[in-house]
Amino acid sequence: MSAVSRDAAETEMISLEGYSLSDLRVDRSPELTQAVRRVLSQVERPRVNLGGNGPPGRAD
């Protein structure tokens, strides 16, 4: 039996569970800074949608 729940997904992003928006505004941790940079870089360079008829977007 695994300690990881069936609903868990592996990710490189930090968990923001329990954070409020005001917490995020004052948090200057290197982990949060890196996560924000990663998300912004993915928004700047979206990947091509290789399947379906929908608009281009990200699958991850």
N, C-alpha and C. Protein backbone atom coordinates (compact mmCIF):
# COMPACT_ATOMS: atom_id res chain seq x y z
N MET A 1 0.84 -1.19 0.00
CA MET A 1 0.00 0.00 0.00
C MET A 1 0.88 1.24 0.00
N SER A 2 0.56 2.19 -0.84
CA SER A 2 1.34 3.41 -0.98
C SER A 2 0.83 4.50 -0.05
N ALA A 3 1.74 5.34 0.42
CA ALA A 3 1.36 6.47 1.26
C ALA A 3 0.78 7.61 0.45
N VAL A 4 0.96 7.58 -0.86
CA VAL A 4 0.45 8.63 -1.74
C VAL A 4 -0.99 8.30 -2.12
N SER A 5 -1.88 9.28 -2.02
CA SER A 5 -3.27 9.03 -2.35
C SER A 5 -3.43 8.81 -3.85
N ARG A 6 -4.51 8.17 -4.23
CA ARG A 6 -4.77 7.90 -5.64
C ARG A 6 -4.97 9.19 -6.43
N ASP A 7 -5.44 10.24 -5.78
CA ASP A 7 -5.70 11.50 -6.45
C ASP A 7 -4.46 12.37 -6.59
N ALA A 8 -3.35 11.96 -5.97
CA ALA A 8 -2.14 12.77 -6.01
C ALA A 8 -1.51 12.71 -7.40
N ALA A 9 -0.95 13.83 -7.80
CA ALA A 9 -0.26 13.92 -9.09
C ALA A 9 1.14 14.46 -8.84
N GLU A 10 2.10 13.90 -9.55
CA GLU A 10 3.47 14.38 -9.41
C GLU A 10 3.60 15.71 -10.14
N THR A 11 4.23 16.68 -9.50
CA THR A 11 4.38 18.01 -10.08
C THR A 11 5.66 18.65 -9.58
N GLU A 12 6.17 19.59 -10.35
CA GLU A 12 7.35 20.35 -9.94
C GLU A 12 6.95 21.59 -9.16
N MET A 13 5.68 21.90 -9.13
CA MET A 13 5.20 23.12 -8.49
C MET A 13 5.06 22.92 -6.98
N ILE A 14 5.17 24.02 -6.25
CA ILE A 14 4.99 23.96 -4.81
C ILE A 14 3.50 23.91 -4.48
N SER A 15 3.17 23.39 -3.33
CA SER A 15 1.78 23.34 -2.90
C SER A 15 1.41 24.69 -2.28
N LEU A 16 0.28 25.22 -2.70
CA LEU A 16 -0.22 26.47 -2.15
C LEU A 16 -1.40 26.23 -1.21
N GLU A 17 -1.54 24.99 -0.79
CA GLU A 17 -2.63 24.63 0.11
C GLU A 17 -2.50 25.44 1.40
N GLY A 18 -3.57 26.06 1.79
CA GLY A 18 -3.58 26.84 3.02
C GLY A 18 -3.13 28.28 2.86
N TYR A 19 -2.70 28.67 1.65
CA TYR A 19 -2.28 30.04 1.40
C TYR A 19 -3.49 30.89 1.02
N SER A 20 -3.52 32.11 1.52
CA SER A 20 -4.50 33.08 1.04
C SER A 20 -3.79 33.99 0.04
N LEU A 21 -4.56 34.79 -0.69
CA LEU A 21 -3.93 35.71 -1.63
C LEU A 21 -3.04 36.72 -0.90
N SER A 22 -3.45 37.12 0.28
CA SER A 22 -2.61 38.07 1.03
C SER A 22 -1.31 37.40 1.48
N ASP A 23 -1.35 36.11 1.79
CA ASP A 23 -0.12 35.38 2.12
C ASP A 23 0.83 35.37 0.92
N LEU A 24 0.28 35.14 -0.26
CA LEU A 24 1.11 35.07 -1.47
C LEU A 24 1.73 36.43 -1.80
N ARG A 25 1.00 37.49 -1.53
CA ARG A 25 1.52 38.83 -1.83
C ARG A 25 2.73 39.19 -0.99
N VAL A 26 2.82 38.67 0.23
CA VAL A 26 3.95 39.02 1.10
C VAL A 26 5.05 37.97 1.12
N ASP A 27 4.79 36.80 0.54
CA ASP A 27 5.77 35.71 0.53
C ASP A 27 6.89 36.01 -0.47
N ARG A 28 8.11 36.05 0.00
CA ARG A 28 9.27 36.31 -0.85
C ARG A 28 10.23 35.12 -0.86
N SER A 29 9.69 33.94 -0.62
CA SER A 29 10.53 32.75 -0.57
C SER A 29 11.07 32.41 -1.95
N PRO A 30 12.27 31.83 -2.00
CA PRO A 30 12.84 31.42 -3.29
C PRO A 30 11.99 30.38 -4.01
N GLU A 31 11.32 29.51 -3.26
CA GLU A 31 10.49 28.47 -3.87
C GLU A 31 9.31 29.08 -4.61
N LEU A 32 8.65 30.06 -3.99
CA LEU A 32 7.51 30.70 -4.64
C LEU A 32 7.98 31.53 -5.83
N THR A 33 9.09 32.23 -5.69
CA THR A 33 9.64 33.02 -6.80
C THR A 33 9.94 32.14 -8.00
N GLN A 34 10.54 30.97 -7.77
CA GLN A 34 10.85 30.04 -8.85
C GLN A 34 9.57 29.51 -9.50
N ALA A 35 8.56 29.20 -8.69
CA ALA A 35 7.30 28.68 -9.23
C ALA A 35 6.62 29.73 -10.10
N VAL A 36 6.62 30.98 -9.67
CA VAL A 36 6.00 32.06 -10.46
C VAL A 36 6.75 32.24 -11.77
N ARG A 37 8.06 32.21 -11.74
CA ARG A 37 8.85 32.34 -12.97
C ARG A 37 8.56 31.21 -13.94
N ARG A 38 8.42 29.99 -13.41
CA ARG A 38 8.14 28.83 -14.26
C ARG A 38 6.78 28.98 -14.94
N VAL A 39 5.78 29.38 -14.19
CA VAL A 39 4.44 29.55 -14.75
C VAL A 39 4.44 30.66 -15.81
N LEU A 40 5.08 31.78 -15.52
CA LEU A 40 5.11 32.89 -16.47
C LEU A 40 5.84 32.50 -17.76
N SER A 41 6.89 31.71 -17.65
CA SER A 41 7.60 31.29 -18.87
C SER A 41 6.74 30.35 -19.70
N GLN A 42 5.91 29.54 -19.05
CA GLN A 42 5.02 28.65 -19.79
C GLN A 42 3.89 29.42 -20.46
N VAL A 43 3.44 30.49 -19.83
CA VAL A 43 2.41 31.33 -20.42
C VAL A 43 2.97 32.07 -21.64
N GLU A 44 4.21 32.51 -21.54
CA GLU A 44 4.84 33.22 -22.65
C GLU A 44 5.06 32.32 -23.86
N ARG A 45 5.33 31.03 -23.63
CA ARG A 45 5.61 30.09 -24.71
C ARG A 45 4.69 28.88 -24.61
N PRO A 46 3.40 29.04 -24.95
CA PRO A 46 2.49 27.89 -24.86
C PRO A 46 2.86 26.81 -25.86
N ARG A 47 2.55 25.59 -25.53
CA ARG A 47 2.82 24.47 -26.42
C ARG A 47 1.66 24.29 -27.39
N VAL A 48 1.95 23.68 -28.52
CA VAL A 48 0.94 23.44 -29.54
C VAL A 48 0.02 22.31 -29.09
N ASN A 49 -1.26 22.46 -29.37
CA ASN A 49 -2.24 21.42 -29.09
C ASN A 49 -2.15 20.40 -30.22
N LEU A 50 -1.71 19.17 -29.91
CA LEU A 50 -1.48 18.17 -30.94
C LEU A 50 -2.72 17.32 -31.26
N GLY A 51 -3.79 17.53 -30.55
CA GLY A 51 -4.98 16.73 -30.82
C GLY A 51 -6.24 17.52 -30.57
N GLY A 52 -7.29 17.11 -31.19
CA GLY A 52 -8.58 17.78 -30.99
C GLY A 52 -8.73 19.01 -31.85
N ASN A 53 -9.90 19.59 -31.75
CA ASN A 53 -10.24 20.76 -32.55
C ASN A 53 -10.21 22.06 -31.77
N GLY A 54 -9.85 21.98 -30.50
CA GLY A 54 -9.85 23.16 -29.65
C GLY A 54 -8.72 24.10 -29.97
N PRO A 55 -8.69 25.23 -29.30
CA PRO A 55 -7.61 26.20 -29.52
C PRO A 55 -6.29 25.66 -28.99
N PRO A 56 -5.17 26.20 -29.46
CA PRO A 56 -3.88 25.77 -28.94
C PRO A 56 -3.84 25.98 -27.42
N GLY A 57 -3.19 25.09 -26.76
CA GLY A 57 -3.12 25.21 -25.31
C GLY A 57 -2.13 24.22 -24.74
N ARG A 58 -2.14 24.09 -23.45
CA ARG A 58 -1.22 23.21 -22.75
C ARG A 58 -1.96 21.95 -22.33
N ALA A 59 -1.25 20.85 -22.36
CA ALA A 59 -1.83 19.59 -21.91
C ALA A 59 -1.38 19.25 -20.50
N ASP A 60 -0.44 20.00 -19.99
CA ASP A 60 0.06 19.71 -18.64
C ASP A 60 -0.38 20.77 -17.73
